[in-house]
Amino acid sequence: MHDGCLDAYVPDGDTWRYDISKDPRFTAYWNDDRSDPKKWALQKKLYDDYLAEWKRVYPDQDWHERSGFPDAYPPSEKGSIRNEAGNLYGYFDEEDKSLLCLQFLGSAFMQYKTWLSAKLNQHMKSPGFVNIWKRV
């Protein structure tokens, strides 16, 4: 990550804890530094978007305007980063592999079904074909 969010993780015993005050994406907003109004507004917008996402994911938690986040990215954004990394590096877990396999098999079956119906229509339109189901 080149946005500096990894610098916001601080050691807390045997684990790492996210500290929003050390995240460069939110420094101007968190410290209320309005010397660059455009930067402050962009960081406030990002903070508000993340806060809305965290409220949606954990509605029972008490979120307020200056609350920190449990992680640098909301779950939806972490999922999209994970998917993009999987596409870039060609790594897929078992769930993604099975989904791709089923999609490929389904696509091949639909192509066969289209070819078969075209051949059937072609045969039915041939000059020597007699329709026995035709009403008299």
C-alpha atoms as a PDB file:
ATOM      1  CA  MET A   1       0.000   0.000   0.000  1.00  0.00           C
ATOM      2  CA  HIS A   2       1.418   3.316  -1.042  1.00  0.00           C
ATOM      3  CA  ASP A   3      -1.121   5.465   0.774  1.00  0.00           C
ATOM      4  CA  GLY A   4       0.746   5.234   4.086  1.00  0.00           C
ATOM      5  CA  CYS A   5      -1.951   3.364   5.993  1.00  0.00           C
ATOM      6  CA  LEU A   6       0.540   0.692   7.050  1.00  0.00           C
ATOM      7  CA  ASP A   7       2.371   3.356   9.070  1.00  0.00           C
ATOM      8  CA  ALA A   8      -0.766   3.713  11.190  1.00  0.00           C
ATOM      9  CA  TYR A   9      -0.462   0.236  12.674  1.00  0.00           C
ATOM     10  CA  VAL A  10       1.281   0.258  16.037  1.00  0.00           C
ATOM     11  CA  PRO A  11       2.384  -2.775  18.076  1.00  0.00           C
ATOM     12  CA  ASP A  12       0.094  -3.603  20.960  1.00  0.00           C
ATOM     13  CA  GLY A  13       1.593  -6.552  22.795  1.00  0.00           C
ATOM     14  CA  ASP A  14       1.550  -9.513  20.417  1.00  0.00           C
ATOM     15  CA  THR A  15      -0.797  -7.846  17.907  1.00  0.00           C
ATOM     16  CA  TRP A  16      -0.951  -4.750  15.774  1.00  0.00           C
ATOM     17  CA  ARG A  17      -3.541  -2.052  16.397  1.00  0.00           C
ATOM     18  CA  TYR A  18      -4.729   0.559  13.897  1.00  0.00           C
ATOM     19  CA  ASP A  19      -4.259   4.152  15.082  1.00  0.00           C
ATOM     20  CA  ILE A  20      -6.127   6.628  12.881  1.00  0.00           C
ATOM     21  CA  SER A  21      -4.121   9.591  14.218  1.00  0.00           C
ATOM     22  CA  LYS A  22      -0.995   8.163  12.547  1.00  0.00           C
ATOM     23  CA  ASP A  23      -2.669   7.503   9.183  1.00  0.00           C
ATOM     24  CA  PRO A  24      -1.447  10.054   6.592  1.00  0.00           C
ATOM     25  CA  ARG A  25      -4.767   9.821   4.775  1.00  0.00           C
ATOM     26  CA  PHE A  26      -6.507  11.491   7.734  1.00  0.00           C
ATOM     27  CA  THR A  27      -3.833  13.683   9.374  1.00  0.00           C
ATOM     28  CA  ALA A  28      -5.205  17.067   8.241  1.00  0.00           C
ATOM     29  CA  TYR A  29      -8.756  16.186   9.223  1.00  0.00           C
ATOM     30  CA  TRP A  30      -7.871  14.397  12.467  1.00  0.00           C
ATOM     31  CA  ASN A  31      -5.583  17.213  13.682  1.00  0.00           C
ATOM     32  CA  ASP A  32      -8.030  19.847  12.371  1.00  0.00           C
ATOM     33  CA  ASP A  33      -5.271  21.394  10.249  1.00  0.00           C
ATOM     34  CA  ARG A  34      -7.125  23.692   7.837  1.00  0.00           C
ATOM     35  CA  SER A  35      -4.021  25.314   6.333  1.00  0.00           C
ATOM     36  CA  ASP A  36      -4.792  23.454   3.094  1.00  0.00           C
ATOM     37  CA  PRO A  37      -8.615  23.554   2.802  1.00  0.00           C
ATOM     38  CA  LYS A  38      -8.724  21.262  -0.224  1.00  0.00           C
ATOM     39  CA  LYS A  39      -6.695  18.549   1.511  1.00  0.00           C
ATOM     40  CA  TRP A  40      -8.810  18.905   4.668  1.00  0.00           C
ATOM     41  CA  ALA A  41     -12.047  18.601   2.655  1.00  0.00           C
ATOM     42  CA  LEU A  42     -10.800  15.515   0.788  1.00  0.00           C
ATOM     43  CA  GLN A  43      -9.767  13.831   4.019  1.00  0.00           C
ATOM     44  CA  LYS A  44     -13.088  14.737   5.673  1.00  0.00           C
ATOM     45  CA  LYS A  45     -14.964  13.240   2.716  1.00  0.00           C
ATOM     46  CA  LEU A  46     -12.919  10.023   2.904  1.00  0.00           C
ATOM     47  CA  TYR A  47     -13.468   9.871   6.665  1.00  0.00           C
ATOM     48  CA  ASP A  48     -17.235  10.381   6.259  1.00  0.00           C
ATOM     49  CA  ASP A  49     -17.416   7.678   3.578  1.00  0.00           C
ATOM     50  CA  TYR A  50     -15.508   5.209   5.755  1.00  0.00           C
ATOM     51  CA  LEU A  51     -17.604   6.114   8.805  1.00  0.00           C
ATOM     52  CA  ALA A  52     -20.815   5.463   6.853  1.00  0.00           C
ATOM     53  CA  GLU A  53     -19.439   2.104   5.699  1.00  0.00           C
ATOM     54  CA  TRP A  54     -18.404   1.084   9.227  1.00  0.00           C
ATOM     55  CA  LYS A  55     -21.850   2.133  10.513  1.00  0.00           C
ATOM     56  CA  ARG A  56     -23.447  -0.054   7.855  1.00  0.00           C
ATOM     57  CA  VAL A  57     -21.285  -3.065   8.725  1.00  0.00           C
ATOM     58  CA  TYR A  58     -21.510  -2.701  12.533  1.00  0.00           C
ATOM     59  CA  PRO A  59     -24.791  -0.868  13.247  1.00  0.00           C
ATOM     60  CA  ASP A  60     -24.909  -1.865  16.925  1.00  0.00           C
ATOM     61  CA  GLN A  61     -21.589  -0.149  17.734  1.00  0.00           C
ATOM     62  CA  ASP A  62     -21.644   3.436  18.994  1.00  0.00           C
ATOM     63  CA  TRP A  63     -20.098   5.450  16.142  1.00  0.00           C
ATOM     64  CA  HIS A  64     -19.674   9.200  16.423  1.00  0.00           C
ATOM     65  CA  GLU A  65     -17.979  11.940  14.423  1.00  0.00           C
ATOM     66  CA  ARG A  66     -14.477  11.585  15.886  1.00  0.00           C
ATOM     67  CA  SER A  67     -14.383   7.852  16.487  1.00  0.00           C
ATOM     68  CA  GLY A  68     -11.497   5.862  15.144  1.00  0.00           C
ATOM     69  CA  PHE A  69     -11.878   2.789  12.994  1.00  0.00           C
ATOM     70  CA  PRO A  70     -11.004  -0.812  13.880  1.00  0.00           C
ATOM     71  CA  ASP A  71      -9.029  -1.173  10.650  1.00  0.00           C
ATOM     72  CA  ALA A  72      -7.516   0.971   7.900  1.00  0.00           C
ATOM     73  CA  TYR A  73     -10.098  -0.093   5.330  1.00  0.00           C
ATOM     74  CA  PRO A  74     -13.769  -1.057   5.621  1.00  0.00           C
ATOM     75  CA  PRO A  75     -14.628  -4.696   4.806  1.00  0.00           C
ATOM     76  CA  SER A  76     -16.038  -3.898   1.368  1.00  0.00           C
ATOM     77  CA  GLU A  77     -12.873  -2.094   0.303  1.00  0.00           C
ATOM     78  CA  LYS A  78     -10.671  -4.863   1.727  1.00  0.00           C
ATOM     79  CA  GLY A  79     -12.679  -7.350  -0.325  1.00  0.00           C
ATOM     80  CA  SER A  80     -12.210  -5.362  -3.519  1.00  0.00           C
ATOM     81  CA  ILE A  81      -8.462  -5.042  -2.846  1.00  0.00           C
ATOM     82  CA  ARG A  82      -8.301  -8.806  -2.278  1.00  0.00           C
ATOM     83  CA  ASN A  83     -10.186  -9.519  -5.518  1.00  0.00           C
ATOM     84  CA  GLU A  84      -7.998  -7.169  -7.523  1.00  0.00           C
ATOM     85  CA  ALA A  85      -4.842  -8.713  -6.074  1.00  0.00           C
ATOM     86  CA  GLY A  86      -6.176 -12.154  -6.964  1.00  0.00           C
ATOM     87  CA  ASN A  87      -6.762 -11.050 -10.541  1.00  0.00           C
ATOM     88  CA  LEU A  88      -3.336  -9.420 -10.820  1.00  0.00           C
ATOM     89  CA  TYR A  89      -1.311 -12.284  -9.391  1.00  0.00           C
ATOM     90  CA  GLY A  90      -3.464 -15.188 -10.570  1.00  0.00           C
ATOM     91  CA  TYR A  91      -4.087 -16.482  -7.054  1.00  0.00           C
ATOM     92  CA  PHE A  92      -7.555 -17.814  -6.346  1.00  0.00           C
ATOM     93  CA  ASP A  93      -8.818 -19.544  -3.243  1.00  0.00           C
ATOM     94  CA  GLU A  94     -10.999 -22.656  -3.522  1.00  0.00           C
ATOM     95  CA  GLU A  95     -14.221 -20.652  -3.664  1.00  0.00           C
ATOM     96  CA  ASP A  96     -12.999 -18.466  -6.533  1.00  0.00           C
ATOM     97  CA  LYS A  97     -11.610 -21.493  -8.390  1.00  0.00           C
ATOM     98  CA  SER A  98     -14.924 -23.333  -8.221  1.00  0.00           C
ATOM     99  CA  LEU A  99     -16.810 -20.225  -9.316  1.00  0.00           C
ATOM    100  CA  LEU A 100     -14.541 -19.794 -12.347  1.00  0.00           C
ATOM    101  CA  CYS A 101     -14.789 -23.498 -13.209  1.00  0.00           C
ATOM    102  CA  LEU A 102     -18.603 -23.448 -13.038  1.00  0.00           C
ATOM    103  CA  GLN A 103     -18.694 -20.249 -15.079  1.00  0.00           C
ATOM    104  CA  PHE A 104     -16.454 -21.817 -17.732  1.00  0.00           C
ATOM    105  CA  LEU A 105     -18.496 -25.035 -17.871  1.00  0.00           C
ATOM    106  CA  GLY A 106     -21.740 -23.067 -17.988  1.00  0.00           C
ATOM    107  CA  SER A 107     -20.400 -20.920 -20.801  1.00  0.00           C
ATOM    108  CA  ALA A 108     -19.329 -23.986 -22.788  1.00  0.00           C
ATOM    109  CA  PHE A 109     -22.737 -25.622 -22.249  1.00  0.00           C
ATOM    110  CA  MET A 110     -24.587 -22.483 -23.393  1.00  0.00           C
ATOM    111  CA  GLN A 111     -22.429 -22.302 -26.526  1.00  0.00           C
ATOM    112  CA  TYR A 112     -23.266 -25.961 -27.258  1.00  0.00           C
ATOM    113  CA  LYS A 113     -26.969 -25.278 -26.656  1.00  0.00           C
ATOM    114  CA  THR A 114     -26.880 -22.336 -29.082  1.00  0.00           C
ATOM    115  CA  TRP A 115     -25.057 -24.422 -31.709  1.00  0.00           C
ATOM    116  CA  LEU A 116     -27.512 -27.307 -31.286  1.00  0.00           C
ATOM    117  CA  SER A 117     -30.589 -25.105 -31.658  1.00  0.00           C
ATOM    118  CA  ALA A 118     -29.060 -23.466 -34.759  1.00  0.00           C
ATOM    119  CA  LYS A 119     -28.412 -26.883 -36.319  1.00  0.00           C
ATOM    120  CA  LEU A 120     -31.977 -27.960 -35.505  1.00  0.00           C
ATOM    121  CA  ASN A 121     -33.386 -24.812 -37.112  1.00  0.00           C
ATOM    122  CA  GLN A 122     -31.139 -25.319 -40.123  1.00  0.00           C
ATOM    123  CA  HIS A 123     -32.364 -28.894 -40.492  1.00  0.00           C
ATOM    124  CA  MET A 124     -36.033 -27.879 -40.148  1.00  0.00           C
ATOM    125  CA  LYS A 125     -35.671 -25.266 -42.883  1.00  0.00           C
ATOM    126  CA  SER A 126     -34.068 -27.659 -45.356  1.00  0.00           C
ATOM    127  CA  PRO A 127     -36.154 -28.364 -48.515  1.00  0.00           C
ATOM    128  CA  GLY A 128     -36.613 -32.092 -47.871  1.00  0.00           C
ATOM    129  CA  PHE A 129     -37.864 -31.702 -44.279  1.00  0.00           C
ATOM    130  CA  VAL A 130     -41.527 -32.653 -43.730  1.00  0.00           C
ATOM    131  CA  ASN A 131     -43.162 -31.270 -40.626  1.00  0.00           C
ATOM    132  CA  ILE A 132     -45.337 -34.043 -39.212  1.00  0.00           C
ATOM    133  CA  TRP A 133     -46.746 -31.779 -36.518  1.00  0.00           C
ATOM    134  CA  LYS A 134     -48.176 -29.313 -39.027  1.00  0.00           C
ATOM    135  CA  ARG A 135     -51.969 -28.915 -38.903  1.00  0.00           C
ATOM    136  CA  VAL A 136     -53.873 -30.102 -41.891  1.00  0.00           C
END
